[in-house]
Amino acid sequence: MLNRVAKIGYEKQLKAVITLNNDHLVKTKALDLKDFKSHPENYTIIDIRNTGEVEEEKFFKSAKSHPLNELRESASKISSNKPIVVHCAGGYRSAAGSSILEKQLRGATVYDLSEAINDFK
């Protein structure tokens, strides 16, 4: 359900997702938001919104556009020499995108900006 909703850009309307209980979830490290705000150049920023959304508004000058629906195919083109920060417009698609990149780019440090994207709007 989340995948289908994210593909069409309706993540804001999504209220809840049924998932495994917390005991079975794999958790990733949290992004040091203060450091990211102070030194965004130290990160590879990946914008996974649709092309049209990126054309309307870009949140970070240096962000590379890799739409979520193409991410599995384009992941190998993403440099992992710096920590990777994944963002979308509301925080839902970025969770899926960061999960995809963690699997595709083994050993890379990947962070989900999640709802903190609102600090940059």
PDB file of N, CA and C in Angstrom:
ATOM      1  N   MET A   1       0.818  -1.187   0.000  1.00  0.00           N
ATOM      2  CA  MET A   1       0.000   0.000   0.000  1.00  0.00           C
ATOM      3  C   MET A   1       0.867   1.257   0.000  1.00  0.00           C
ATOM      4  N   LEU A   2       1.886   1.298   0.861  1.00  0.00           N
ATOM      5  CA  LEU A   2       2.775   2.451   0.930  1.00  0.00           C
ATOM      6  C   LEU A   2       3.466   2.677  -0.412  1.00  0.00           C
ATOM      7  N   ASN A   3       3.929   1.616  -1.025  1.00  0.00           N
ATOM      8  CA  ASN A   3       4.613   1.722  -2.310  1.00  0.00           C
ATOM      9  C   ASN A   3       3.691   2.341  -3.351  1.00  0.00           C
ATOM     10  N   ARG A   4       2.477   1.887  -3.430  1.00  0.00           N
ATOM     11  CA  ARG A   4       1.529   2.405  -4.422  1.00  0.00           C
ATOM     12  C   ARG A   4       1.187   3.863  -4.149  1.00  0.00           C
ATOM     13  N   VAL A   5       0.960   4.205  -2.895  1.00  0.00           N
ATOM     14  CA  VAL A   5       0.630   5.578  -2.535  1.00  0.00           C
ATOM     15  C   VAL A   5       1.800   6.504  -2.838  1.00  0.00           C
ATOM     16  N   ALA A   6       3.012   6.081  -2.512  1.00  0.00           N
ATOM     17  CA  ALA A   6       4.197   6.906  -2.743  1.00  0.00           C
ATOM     18  C   ALA A   6       4.446   7.128  -4.226  1.00  0.00           C
ATOM     19  N   LYS A   7       4.220   6.120  -5.040  1.00  0.00           N
ATOM     20  CA  LYS A   7       4.453   6.249  -6.477  1.00  0.00           C
ATOM     21  C   LYS A   7       3.607   7.336  -7.116  1.00  0.00           C
ATOM     22  N   ILE A   8       2.447   7.590  -6.559  1.00  0.00           N
ATOM     23  CA  ILE A   8       1.588   8.599  -7.154  1.00  0.00           C
ATOM     24  C   ILE A   8       1.595   9.911  -6.367  1.00  0.00           C
ATOM     25  N   GLY A   9       2.435  10.019  -5.354  1.00  0.00           N
ATOM     26  CA  GLY A   9       2.634  11.277  -4.652  1.00  0.00           C
ATOM     27  C   GLY A   9       1.579  11.655  -3.628  1.00  0.00           C
ATOM     28  N   TYR A  10       0.867  10.680  -3.067  1.00  0.00           N
ATOM     29  CA  TYR A  10      -0.180  10.981  -2.098  1.00  0.00           C
ATOM     30  C   TYR A  10       0.220  10.622  -0.667  1.00  0.00           C
ATOM     31  N   GLU A  11       1.509  10.700  -0.350  1.00  0.00           N
ATOM     32  CA  GLU A  11       1.921  10.286   0.986  1.00  0.00           C
ATOM     33  C   GLU A  11       1.333  11.160   2.091  1.00  0.00           C
ATOM     34  N   LYS A  12       0.983  12.400   1.784  1.00  0.00           N
ATOM     35  CA  LYS A  12       0.401  13.269   2.813  1.00  0.00           C
ATOM     36  C   LYS A  12      -0.962  12.753   3.273  1.00  0.00           C
ATOM     37  N   GLN A  13      -1.669  12.051   2.408  1.00  0.00           N
ATOM     38  CA  GLN A  13      -2.976  11.535   2.764  1.00  0.00           C
ATOM     39  C   GLN A  13      -2.896  10.213   3.533  1.00  0.00           C
ATOM     40  N   LEU A  14      -1.733   9.625   3.551  1.00  0.00           N
ATOM     41  CA  LEU A  14      -1.568   8.354   4.240  1.00  0.00           C
ATOM     42  C   LEU A  14      -1.532   8.591   5.747  1.00  0.00           C
ATOM     43  N   LYS A  15      -2.411   7.980   6.474  1.00  0.00           N
ATOM     44  CA  LYS A  15      -2.496   8.201   7.920  1.00  0.00           C
ATOM     45  C   LYS A  15      -1.722   7.169   8.729  1.00  0.00           C
ATOM     46  N   ALA A  16      -1.695   5.931   8.302  1.00  0.00           N
ATOM     47  CA  ALA A  16      -1.014   4.891   9.071  1.00  0.00           C
ATOM     48  C   ALA A  16      -0.678   3.724   8.155  1.00  0.00           C
ATOM     49  N   VAL A  17       0.359   3.025   8.538  1.00  0.00           N
ATOM     50  CA  VAL A  17       0.769   1.836   7.800  1.00  0.00           C
ATOM     51  C   VAL A  17       0.908   0.699   8.802  1.00  0.00           C
ATOM     52  N   ILE A  18       0.383  -0.450   8.443  1.00  0.00           N
ATOM     53  CA  ILE A  18       0.511  -1.624   9.308  1.00  0.00           C
ATOM     54  C   ILE A  18       1.886  -2.221   9.061  1.00  0.00           C
ATOM     55  N   THR A  19       2.602  -2.503  10.125  1.00  0.00           N
ATOM     56  CA  THR A  19       3.970  -3.010   9.999  1.00  0.00           C
ATOM     57  C   THR A  19       4.250  -4.016  11.120  1.00  0.00           C
ATOM     58  N   LEU A  20       5.437  -4.544  11.123  1.00  0.00           N
ATOM     59  CA  LEU A  20       5.856  -5.441  12.200  1.00  0.00           C
ATOM     60  C   LEU A  20       5.972  -4.651  13.490  1.00  0.00           C
ATOM     61  N   ASN A  21       5.906  -5.348  14.620  1.00  0.00           N
ATOM     62  CA  ASN A  21       6.093  -4.623  15.863  1.00  0.00           C
ATOM     63  C   ASN A  21       7.565  -4.206  15.974  1.00  0.00           C
ATOM     64  N   ASN A  22       7.848  -3.286  16.867  1.00  0.00           N
ATOM     65  CA  ASN A  22       9.181  -2.685  16.981  1.00  0.00           C
ATOM     66  C   ASN A  22      10.291  -3.687  17.237  1.00  0.00           C
ATOM     67  N   ASP A  23       9.983  -4.833  17.827  1.00  0.00           N
ATOM     68  CA  ASP A  23      11.002  -5.832  18.126  1.00  0.00           C
ATOM     69  C   ASP A  23      11.635  -6.408  16.861  1.00  0.00           C
ATOM     70  N   HIS A  24      10.907  -6.369  15.755  1.00  0.00           N
ATOM     71  CA  HIS A  24      11.388  -6.983  14.520  1.00  0.00           C
ATOM     72  C   HIS A  24      11.870  -5.977  13.480  1.00  0.00           C
ATOM     73  N   LEU A  25      11.820  -4.709  13.803  1.00  0.00           N
ATOM     74  CA  LEU A  25      12.235  -3.700  12.843  1.00  0.00           C
ATOM     75  C   LEU A  25      13.740  -3.486  12.894  1.00  0.00           C
ATOM     76  N   VAL A  26      14.346  -3.282  11.740  1.00  0.00           N
ATOM     77  CA  VAL A  26      15.756  -2.915  11.665  1.00  0.00           C
ATOM     78  C   VAL A  26      15.812  -1.398  11.711  1.00  0.00           C
ATOM     79  N   LYS A  27      16.562  -0.873  12.638  1.00  0.00           N
ATOM     80  CA  LYS A  27      16.641   0.576  12.799  1.00  0.00           C
ATOM     81  C   LYS A  27      18.001   1.077  12.333  1.00  0.00           C
ATOM     82  N   THR A  28      17.982   2.200  11.656  1.00  0.00           N
ATOM     83  CA  THR A  28      19.224   2.796  11.193  1.00  0.00           C
ATOM     84  C   THR A  28      19.589   3.961  12.098  1.00  0.00           C
ATOM     85  N   LYS A  29      20.838   4.385  11.995  1.00  0.00           N
ATOM     86  CA  LYS A  29      21.288   5.516  12.795  1.00  0.00           C
ATOM     87  C   LYS A  29      20.511   6.764  12.413  1.00  0.00           C
ATOM     88  N   ALA A  30      20.318   7.620  13.406  1.00  0.00           N
ATOM     89  CA  ALA A  30      19.621   8.879  13.154  1.00  0.00           C
ATOM     90  C   ALA A  30      20.608   9.915  12.612  1.00  0.00           C
ATOM     91  N   LEU A  31      20.140  10.727  11.710  1.00  0.00           N
ATOM     92  CA  LEU A  31      20.936  11.802  11.139  1.00  0.00           C
ATOM     93  C   LEU A  31      21.182  12.875  12.188  1.00  0.00           C
ATOM     94  N   ASP A  32      22.419  13.353  12.263  1.00  0.00           N
ATOM     95  CA  ASP A  32      22.747  14.485  13.126  1.00  0.00           C
ATOM     96  C   ASP A  32      22.268  15.726  12.383  1.00  0.00           C
ATOM     97  N   LEU A  33      21.049  16.142  12.646  1.00  0.00           N
ATOM     98  CA  LEU A  33      20.408  17.220  11.904  1.00  0.00           C
ATOM     99  C   LEU A  33      21.176  18.537  12.028  1.00  0.00           C
ATOM    100  N   LYS A  34      21.728  18.792  13.197  1.00  0.00           N
ATOM    101  CA  LYS A  34      22.501  20.025  13.403  1.00  0.00           C
ATOM    102  C   LYS A  34      23.710  20.048  12.473  1.00  0.00           C
ATOM    103  N   ASP A  35      24.416  18.928  12.372  1.00  0.00           N
ATOM    104  CA  ASP A  35      25.579  18.852  11.487  1.00  0.00           C
ATOM    105  C   ASP A  35      25.153  18.973  10.023  1.00  0.00           C
ATOM    106  N   PHE A  36      24.063  18.313   9.669  1.00  0.00           N
ATOM    107  CA  PHE A  36      23.573  18.379   8.294  1.00  0.00           C
ATOM    108  C   PHE A  36      23.212  19.813   7.911  1.00  0.00           C
ATOM    109  N   LYS A  37      22.541  20.528   8.798  1.00  0.00           N
ATOM    110  CA  LYS A  37      22.172  21.913   8.523  1.00  0.00           C
ATOM    111  C   LYS A  37      23.406  22.805   8.384  1.00  0.00           C
ATOM    112  N   SER A  38      24.413  22.546   9.201  1.00  0.00           N
ATOM    113  CA  SER A  38      25.629  23.358   9.181  1.00  0.00           C
ATOM    114  C   SER A  38      26.560  23.018   8.025  1.00  0.00           C
ATOM    115  N   HIS A  39      26.576  21.744   7.617  1.00  0.00           N
ATOM    116  CA  HIS A  39      27.534  21.284   6.603  1.00  0.00           C
ATOM    117  C   HIS A  39      26.886  20.364   5.572  1.00  0.00           C
ATOM    118  N   PRO A  40      25.891  20.841   4.834  1.00  0.00           N
ATOM    119  CA  PRO A  40      25.237  19.967   3.856  1.00  0.00           C
ATOM    120  C   PRO A  40      26.196  19.465   2.774  1.00  0.00           C
ATOM    121  N   GLU A  41      27.273  20.184   2.555  1.00  0.00           N
ATOM    122  CA  GLU A  41      28.265  19.772   1.553  1.00  0.00           C
ATOM    123  C   GLU A  41      28.985  18.480   1.935  1.00  0.00           C
ATOM    124  N   ASN A  42      28.891  18.080   3.185  1.00  0.00           N
ATOM    125  CA  ASN A  42      29.520  16.841   3.643  1.00  0.00           C
ATOM    126  C   ASN A  42      28.657  15.611   3.380  1.00  0.00           C
ATOM    127  N   TYR A  43      27.527  15.805   2.693  1.00  0.00           N
ATOM    128  CA  TYR A  43      26.585  14.723   2.439  1.00  0.00           C
ATOM    129  C   TYR A  43      26.229  14.671   0.955  1.00  0.00           C
ATOM    130  N   THR A  44      25.899  13.492   0.483  1.00  0.00           N
ATOM    131  CA  THR A  44      25.306  13.324  -0.839  1.00  0.00           C
ATOM    132  C   THR A  44      23.802  13.349  -0.607  1.00  0.00           C
ATOM    133  N   ILE A  45      23.131  14.343  -1.175  1.00  0.00           N
ATOM    134  CA  ILE A  45      21.703  14.528  -0.939  1.00  0.00           C
ATOM    135  C   ILE A  45      20.926  13.986  -2.141  1.00  0.00           C
ATOM    136  N   ILE A  46      20.014  13.080  -1.858  1.00  0.00           N
ATOM    137  CA  ILE A  46      19.213  12.433  -2.907  1.00  0.00           C
ATOM    138  C   ILE A  46      17.744  12.828  -2.742  1.00  0.00           C
ATOM    139  N   ASP A  47      17.209  13.451  -3.788  1.00  0.00           N
ATOM    140  CA  ASP A  47      15.808  13.866  -3.832  1.00  0.00           C
ATOM    141  C   ASP A  47      15.039  12.797  -4.599  1.00  0.00           C
ATOM    142  N   ILE A  48      14.123  12.105  -3.930  1.00  0.00           N
ATOM    143  CA  ILE A  48      13.420  10.994  -4.594  1.00  0.00           C
ATOM    144  C   ILE A  48      12.005  11.368  -5.036  1.00  0.00           C
ATOM    145  N   ARG A  49      11.725  12.659  -5.078  1.00  0.00           N
ATOM    146  CA  ARG A  49      10.415  13.086  -5.579  1.00  0.00           C
ATOM    147  C   ARG A  49      10.365  12.892  -7.095  1.00  0.00           C
ATOM    148  N   ASN A  50       9.146  12.950  -7.640  1.00  0.00           N
ATOM    149  CA  ASN A  50       8.965  12.861  -9.081  1.00  0.00           C
ATOM    150  C   ASN A  50       9.596  14.072  -9.763  1.00  0.00           C
ATOM    151  N   THR A  51       9.985  13.923 -11.017  1.00  0.00           N
ATOM    152  CA  THR A  51      10.656  14.985 -11.760  1.00  0.00           C
ATOM    153  C   THR A  51       9.859  16.288 -11.735  1.00  0.00           C
ATOM    154  N   GLY A  52       8.563  16.204 -11.918  1.00  0.00           N
ATOM    155  CA  GLY A  52       7.719  17.399 -11.904  1.00  0.00           C
ATOM    156  C   GLY A  52       7.767  18.143 -10.580  1.00  0.00           C
ATOM    157  N   GLU A  53       7.810  17.398  -9.487  1.00  0.00           N
ATOM    158  CA  GLU A  53       7.894  18.014  -8.160  1.00  0.00           C
ATOM    159  C   GLU A  53       9.216  18.747  -7.987  1.00  0.00           C
ATOM    160  N   VAL A  54      10.299  18.149  -8.461  1.00  0.00           N
ATOM    161  CA  VAL A  54      11.626  18.753  -8.342  1.00  0.00           C
ATOM    162  C   VAL A  54      11.685  20.029  -9.178  1.00  0.00           C
ATOM    163  N   GLU A  55      11.077  19.996 -10.365  1.00  0.00           N
ATOM    164  CA  GLU A  55      11.065  21.179 -11.232  1.00  0.00           C
ATOM    165  C   GLU A  55      10.302  22.337 -10.595  1.00  0.00           C
ATOM    166  N   GLU A  56       9.267  22.038  -9.824  1.00  0.00           N
ATOM    167  CA  GLU A  56       8.488  23.072  -9.151  1.00  0.00           C
ATOM    168  C   GLU A  56       9.250  23.730  -8.009  1.00  0.00           C
ATOM    169  N   GLU A  57       9.971  22.928  -7.248  1.00  0.00           N
ATOM    170  CA  GLU A  57      10.681  23.449  -6.071  1.00  0.00           C
ATOM    171  C   GLU A  57      11.816  22.511  -5.687  1.00  0.00           C
ATOM    172  N   LYS A  58      12.997  23.093  -5.527  1.00  0.00           N
ATOM    173  CA  LYS A  58      14.161  22.314  -5.110  1.00  0.00           C
ATOM    174  C   LYS A  58      14.547  22.783  -3.709  1.00  0.00           C
ATOM    175  N   PHE A  59      14.703  21.838  -2.769  1.00  0.00           N
ATOM    176  CA  PHE A  59      15.010  22.186  -1.392  1.00  0.00           C
ATOM    177  C   PHE A  59      16.517  22.357  -1.147  1.00  0.00           C
ATOM    178  N   PHE A  60      17.342  21.651  -1.913  1.00  0.00           N
ATOM    179  CA  PHE A  60      18.791  21.707  -1.753  1.00  0.00           C
ATOM    180  C   PHE A  60      19.435  21.866  -3.133  1.00  0.00           C
ATOM    181  N   LYS A  61      20.308  22.858  -3.274  1.00  0.00           N
ATOM    182  CA  LYS A  61      20.984  23.096  -4.557  1.00  0.00           C
ATOM    183  C   LYS A  61      21.736  21.871  -5.051  1.00  0.00           C
ATOM    184  N   SER A  62      22.408  21.203  -4.152  1.00  0.00           N
ATOM    185  CA  SER A  62      23.297  20.104  -4.547  1.00  0.00           C
ATOM    186  C   SER A  62      22.605  18.746  -4.639  1.00  0.00           C
ATOM    187  N   ALA A  63      21.296  18.709  -4.386  1.00  0.00           N
ATOM    188  CA  ALA A  63      20.584  17.420  -4.397  1.00  0.00           C
ATOM    189  C   ALA A  63      20.572  16.801  -5.791  1.00  0.00           C
ATOM    190  N   LYS A  64      20.736  15.503  -5.817  1.00  0.00           N
ATOM    191  CA  LYS A  64      20.663  14.724  -7.062  1.00  0.00           C
ATOM    192  C   LYS A  64      19.267  14.112  -7.138  1.00  0.00           C
ATOM    193  N   SER A  65      18.629  14.241  -8.290  1.00  0.00           N
ATOM    194  CA  SER A  65      17.283  13.712  -8.469  1.00  0.00           C
ATOM    195  C   SER A  65      17.320  12.248  -8.897  1.00  0.00           C
ATOM    196  N   HIS A  66      16.683  11.403  -8.092  1.00  0.00           N
ATOM    197  CA  HIS A  66      16.531   9.971  -8.377  1.00  0.00           C
ATOM    198  C   HIS A  66      15.116   9.592  -7.947  1.00  0.00           C
ATOM    199  N   PRO A  67      14.115   9.777  -8.833  1.00  0.00           N
ATOM    200  CA  PRO A  67      12.730   9.472  -8.446  1.00  0.00           C
ATOM    201  C   PRO A  67      12.593   8.067  -7.861  1.00  0.00           C
ATOM    202  N   LEU A  68      11.755   7.950  -6.851  1.00  0.00           N
ATOM    203  CA  LEU A  68      11.578   6.684  -6.147  1.00  0.00           C
ATOM    204  C   LEU A  68      11.273   5.533  -7.090  1.00  0.00           C
ATOM    205  N   ASN A  69      10.424   5.758  -8.079  1.00  0.00           N
ATOM    206  CA  ASN A  69      10.044   4.664  -8.973  1.00  0.00           C
ATOM    207  C   ASN A  69      11.184   4.217  -9.886  1.00  0.00           C
ATOM    208  N   GLU A  70      12.301   4.940  -9.913  1.00  0.00           N
ATOM    209  CA  GLU A  70      13.468   4.564 -10.716  1.00  0.00           C
ATOM    210  C   GLU A  70      14.684   4.242  -9.845  1.00  0.00           C
ATOM    211  N   LEU A  71      14.530   4.349  -8.534  1.00  0.00           N
ATOM    212  CA  LEU A  71      15.661   4.275  -7.617  1.00  0.00           C
ATOM    213  C   LEU A  71      16.431   2.962  -7.665  1.00  0.00           C
ATOM    214  N   ARG A  72      15.743   1.856  -7.776  1.00  0.00           N
ATOM    215  CA  ARG A  72      16.445   0.570  -7.828  1.00  0.00           C
ATOM    216  C   ARG A  72      17.385   0.503  -9.034  1.00  0.00           C
ATOM    217  N   GLU A  73      16.949   1.087 -10.147  1.00  0.00           N
ATOM    218  CA  GLU A  73      17.765   1.063 -11.361  1.00  0.00           C
ATOM    219  C   GLU A  73      18.885   2.112 -11.324  1.00  0.00           C
ATOM    220  N   SER A  74      18.660   3.241 -10.659  1.00  0.00           N
ATOM    221  CA  SER A  74      19.649   4.318 -10.675  1.00  0.00           C
ATOM    222  C   SER A  74      20.565   4.339  -9.452  1.00  0.00           C
ATOM    223  N   ALA A  75      20.331   3.488  -8.479  1.00  0.00           N
ATOM    224  CA  ALA A  75      21.101   3.503  -7.226  1.00  0.00           C
ATOM    225  C   ALA A  75      22.602   3.371  -7.454  1.00  0.00           C
ATOM    226  N   SER A  76      22.994   2.560  -8.410  1.00  0.00           N
ATOM    227  CA  SER A  76      24.423   2.333  -8.644  1.00  0.00           C
ATOM    228  C   SER A  76      25.144   3.597  -9.129  1.00  0.00           C
ATOM    229  N   LYS A  77      24.410   4.606  -9.567  1.00  0.00           N
ATOM    230  CA  LYS A  77      24.998   5.859 -10.035  1.00  0.00           C
ATOM    231  C   LYS A  77      25.232   6.847  -8.893  1.00  0.00           C
ATOM    232  N   ILE A  78      24.791   6.504  -7.699  1.00  0.00           N
ATOM    233  CA  ILE A  78      24.899   7.394  -6.545  1.00  0.00           C
ATOM    234  C   ILE A  78      26.237   7.166  -5.843  1.00  0.00           C
ATOM    235  N   SER A  79      26.973   8.245  -5.679  1.00  0.00           N
ATOM    236  CA  SER A  79      28.264   8.175  -4.998  1.00  0.00           C
ATOM    237  C   SER A  79      28.045   7.911  -3.511  1.00  0.00           C
ATOM    238  N   SER A  80      28.809   6.980  -2.978  1.00  0.00           N
ATOM    239  CA  SER A  80      28.683   6.660  -1.546  1.00  0.00           C
ATOM    240  C   SER A  80      29.954   7.009  -0.783  1.00  0.00           C
ATOM    241  N   ASN A  81      30.752   7.946  -1.345  1.00  0.00           N
ATOM    242  CA  ASN A  81      31.970   8.352  -0.642  1.00  0.00           C
ATOM    243  C   ASN A  81      31.680   9.300   0.528  1.00  0.00           C
ATOM    244  N   LYS A  82      30.444   9.798   0.610  1.00  0.00           N
ATOM    245  CA  LYS A  82      29.988  10.610   1.742  1.00  0.00           C
ATOM    246  C   LYS A  82      28.679   9.991   2.236  1.00  0.00           C
ATOM    247  N   PRO A  83      28.271  10.305   3.458  1.00  0.00           N
ATOM    248  CA  PRO A  83      26.964   9.820   3.914  1.00  0.00           C
ATOM    249  C   PRO A  83      25.867  10.332   2.972  1.00  0.00           C
ATOM    250  N   ILE A  84      24.864   9.517   2.752  1.00  0.00           N
ATOM    251  CA  ILE A  84      23.772   9.844   1.838  1.00  0.00           C
ATOM    252  C   ILE A  84      22.544  10.233   2.654  1.00  0.00           C
ATOM    253  N   VAL A  85      21.933  11.356   2.297  1.00  0.00           N
ATOM    254  CA  VAL A  85      20.698  11.806   2.937  1.00  0.00           C
ATOM    255  C   VAL A  85      19.602  11.777   1.883  1.00  0.00           C
ATOM    256  N   VAL A  86      18.532  11.041   2.166  1.00  0.00           N
ATOM    257  CA  VAL A  86      17.418  10.873   1.232  1.00  0.00           C
ATOM    258  C   VAL A  86      16.249  11.738   1.703  1.00  0.00           C
ATOM    259  N   HIS A  87      15.661  12.488   0.751  1.00  0.00           N
ATOM    260  CA  HIS A  87      14.490  13.288   1.114  1.00  0.00           C
ATOM    261  C   HIS A  87      13.425  13.245   0.037  1.00  0.00           C
ATOM    262  N   CYS A  88      12.207  13.563   0.455  1.00  0.00           N
ATOM    263  CA  CYS A  88      11.072  13.725  -0.456  1.00  0.00           C
ATOM    264  C   CYS A  88      10.367  15.009  -0.016  1.00  0.00           C
ATOM    265  N   ALA A  89       9.066  15.089  -0.198  1.00  0.00           N
ATOM    266  CA  ALA A  89       8.346  16.303   0.178  1.00  0.00           C
ATOM    267  C   ALA A  89       7.753  16.245   1.577  1.00  0.00           C
ATOM    268  N   GLY A  90       7.405  15.052   2.043  1.00  0.00           N
ATOM    269  CA  GLY A  90       6.728  14.960   3.327  1.00  0.00           C
ATOM    270  C   GLY A  90       7.323  13.975   4.313  1.00  0.00           C
ATOM    271  N   GLY A  91       8.227  13.116   3.862  1.00  0.00           N
ATOM    272  CA  GLY A  91       8.870  12.186   4.767  1.00  0.00           C
ATOM    273  C   GLY A  91       8.496  10.736   4.597  1.00  0.00           C
ATOM    274  N   TYR A  92       7.445  10.432   3.834  1.00  0.00           N
ATOM    275  CA  TYR A  92       7.022   9.042   3.687  1.00  0.00           C
ATOM    276  C   TYR A  92       7.832   8.304   2.625  1.00  0.00           C
ATOM    277  N   ARG A  93       7.985   8.899   1.456  1.00  0.00           N
ATOM    278  CA  ARG A  93       8.742   8.242   0.394  1.00  0.00           C
ATOM    279  C   ARG A  93      10.215   8.120   0.749  1.00  0.00           C
ATOM    280  N   SER A  94      10.733   9.051   1.524  1.00  0.00           N
ATOM    281  CA  SER A  94      12.153   8.989   1.872  1.00  0.00           C
ATOM    282  C   SER A  94      12.472   7.756   2.707  1.00  0.00           C
ATOM    283  N   ALA A  95      11.528   7.288   3.489  1.00  0.00           N
ATOM    284  CA  ALA A  95      11.734   6.060   4.266  1.00  0.00           C
ATOM    285  C   ALA A  95      11.917   4.879   3.330  1.00  0.00           C
ATOM    286  N   ALA A  96      11.070   4.790   2.316  1.00  0.00           N
ATOM    287  CA  ALA A  96      11.199   3.713   1.333  1.00  0.00           C
ATOM    288  C   ALA A  96      12.493   3.870   0.543  1.00  0.00           C
ATOM    289  N   GLY A  97      12.799   5.079   0.147  1.00  0.00           N
ATOM    290  CA  GLY A  97      14.007   5.330  -0.633  1.00  0.00           C
ATOM    291  C   GLY A  97      15.283   5.019   0.128  1.00  0.00           C
ATOM    292  N   SER A  98      15.352   5.419   1.383  1.00  0.00           N
ATOM    293  CA  SER A  98      16.558   5.135   2.162  1.00  0.00           C
ATOM    294  C   SER A  98      16.716   3.634   2.378  1.00  0.00           C
ATOM    295  N   SER A  99      15.617   2.935   2.543  1.00  0.00           N
ATOM    296  CA  SER A  99      15.666   1.483   2.690  1.00  0.00           C
ATOM    297  C   SER A  99      16.192   0.821   1.418  1.00  0.00           C
ATOM    298  N   ILE A 100      15.729   1.280   0.271  1.00  0.00           N
ATOM    299  CA  ILE A 100      16.212   0.750  -1.005  1.00  0.00           C
ATOM    300  C   ILE A 100      17.707   0.982  -1.137  1.00  0.00           C
ATOM    301  N   LEU A 101      18.171   2.197  -0.827  1.00  0.00           N
ATOM    302  CA  LEU A 101      19.596   2.504  -0.972  1.00  0.00           C
ATOM    303  C   LEU A 101      20.455   1.714   0.004  1.00  0.00           C
ATOM    304  N   GLU A 102      19.967   1.491   1.211  1.00  0.00           N
ATOM    305  CA  GLU A 102      20.726   0.677   2.160  1.00  0.00           C
ATOM    306  C   GLU A 102      20.956  -0.726   1.609  1.00  0.00           C
ATOM    307  N   LYS A 103      19.956  -1.265   0.926  1.00  0.00           N
ATOM    308  CA  LYS A 103      20.089  -2.611   0.352  1.00  0.00           C
ATOM    309  C   LYS A 103      20.944  -2.603  -0.907  1.00  0.00           C
ATOM    310  N   GLN A 104      20.782  -1.593  -1.740  1.00  0.00           N
ATOM    311  CA  GLN A 104      21.495  -1.538  -3.013  1.00  0.00           C
ATOM    312  C   GLN A 104      22.958  -1.124  -2.850  1.00  0.00           C
ATOM    313  N   LEU A 105      23.231  -0.237  -1.913  1.00  0.00           N
ATOM    314  CA  LEU A 105      24.582   0.302  -1.724  1.00  0.00           C
ATOM    315  C   LEU A 105      25.176  -0.220  -0.421  1.00  0.00           C
ATOM    316  N   ARG A 106      25.386  -1.502  -0.376  1.00  0.00           N
ATOM    317  CA  ARG A 106      25.904  -2.153   0.842  1.00  0.00           C
ATOM    318  C   ARG A 106      27.151  -1.439   1.361  1.00  0.00           C
ATOM    319  N   GLY A 107      27.148  -1.157   2.653  1.00  0.00           N
ATOM    320  CA  GLY A 107      28.285  -0.499   3.285  1.00  0.00           C
ATOM    321  C   GLY A 107      28.189   1.018   3.293  1.00  0.00           C
ATOM    322  N   ALA A 108      27.279   1.587   2.512  1.00  0.00           N
ATOM    323  CA  ALA A 108      27.112   3.042   2.487  1.00  0.00           C
ATOM    324  C   ALA A 108      26.328   3.481   3.728  1.00  0.00           C
ATOM    325  N   THR A 109      26.614   4.684   4.186  1.00  0.00           N
ATOM    326  CA  THR A 109      25.856   5.272   5.278  1.00  0.00           C
ATOM    327  C   THR A 109      24.697   6.036   4.660  1.00  0.00           C
ATOM    328  N   VAL A 110      23.467   5.626   4.982  1.00  0.00           N
ATOM    329  CA  VAL A 110      22.272   6.223   4.394  1.00  0.00           C
ATOM    330  C   VAL A 110      21.363   6.723   5.508  1.00  0.00           C
ATOM    331  N   TYR A 111      20.934   7.982   5.379  1.00  0.00           N
ATOM    332  CA  TYR A 111      20.024   8.569   6.353  1.00  0.00           C
ATOM    333  C   TYR A 111      18.723   8.969   5.668  1.00  0.00           C
ATOM    334  N   ASP A 112      17.639   8.856   6.390  1.00  0.00           N
ATOM    335  CA  ASP A 112      16.322   9.298   5.950  1.00  0.00           C
ATOM    336  C   ASP A 112      16.055  10.648   6.609  1.00  0.00           C
ATOM    337  N   LEU A 113      15.944  11.713   5.806  1.00  0.00           N
ATOM    338  CA  LEU A 113      15.665  13.034   6.369  1.00  0.00           C
ATOM    339  C   LEU A 113      14.260  13.080   6.971  1.00  0.00           C
ATOM    340  N   SER A 114      13.372  12.265   6.465  1.00  0.00           N
ATOM    341  CA  SER A 114      12.015  12.110   6.988  1.00  0.00           C
ATOM    342  C   SER A 114      11.294  13.454   7.081  1.00  0.00           C
ATOM    343  N   GLU A 115      10.542  13.645   8.152  1.00  0.00           N
ATOM    344  CA  GLU A 115       9.737  14.857   8.307  1.00  0.00           C
ATOM    345  C   GLU A 115      10.576  16.091   8.607  1.00  0.00           C
ATOM    346  N   ALA A 116      11.865  15.927   8.871  1.00  0.00           N
ATOM    347  CA  ALA A 116      12.748  17.081   9.096  1.00  0.00           C
ATOM    348  C   ALA A 116      12.891  17.902   7.813  1.00  0.00           C
ATOM    349  N   ILE A 117      12.426  17.370   6.669  1.00  0.00           N
ATOM    350  CA  ILE A 117      12.438  18.146   5.426  1.00  0.00           C
ATOM    351  C   ILE A 117      11.669  19.448   5.617  1.00  0.00           C
ATOM    352  N   ASN A 118      10.695  19.441   6.519  1.00  0.00           N
ATOM    353  CA  ASN A 118       9.906  20.658   6.789  1.00  0.00           C
ATOM    354  C   ASN A 118      10.752  21.809   7.324  1.00  0.00           C
ATOM    355  N   ASP A 119      11.894  21.504   7.894  1.00  0.00           N
ATOM    356  CA  ASP A 119      12.819  22.559   8.376  1.00  0.00           C
ATOM    357  C   ASP A 119      13.467  23.303   7.215  1.00  0.00           C
ATOM    358  N   PHE A 120      13.389  22.769   6.013  1.00  0.00           N
ATOM    359  CA  PHE A 120      14.078  23.342   4.853  1.00  0.00           C
ATOM    360  C   PHE A 120      13.112  23.944   3.833  1.00  0.00           C
ATOM    361  N   LYS A 121      11.846  23.952   4.139  1.00  0.00           N
ATOM    362  CA  LYS A 121      10.846  24.503   3.205  1.00  0.00           C
ATOM    363  C   LYS A 121      10.662  25.981   3.425  1.00  0.00           C
TER     364      LYS A 121
END
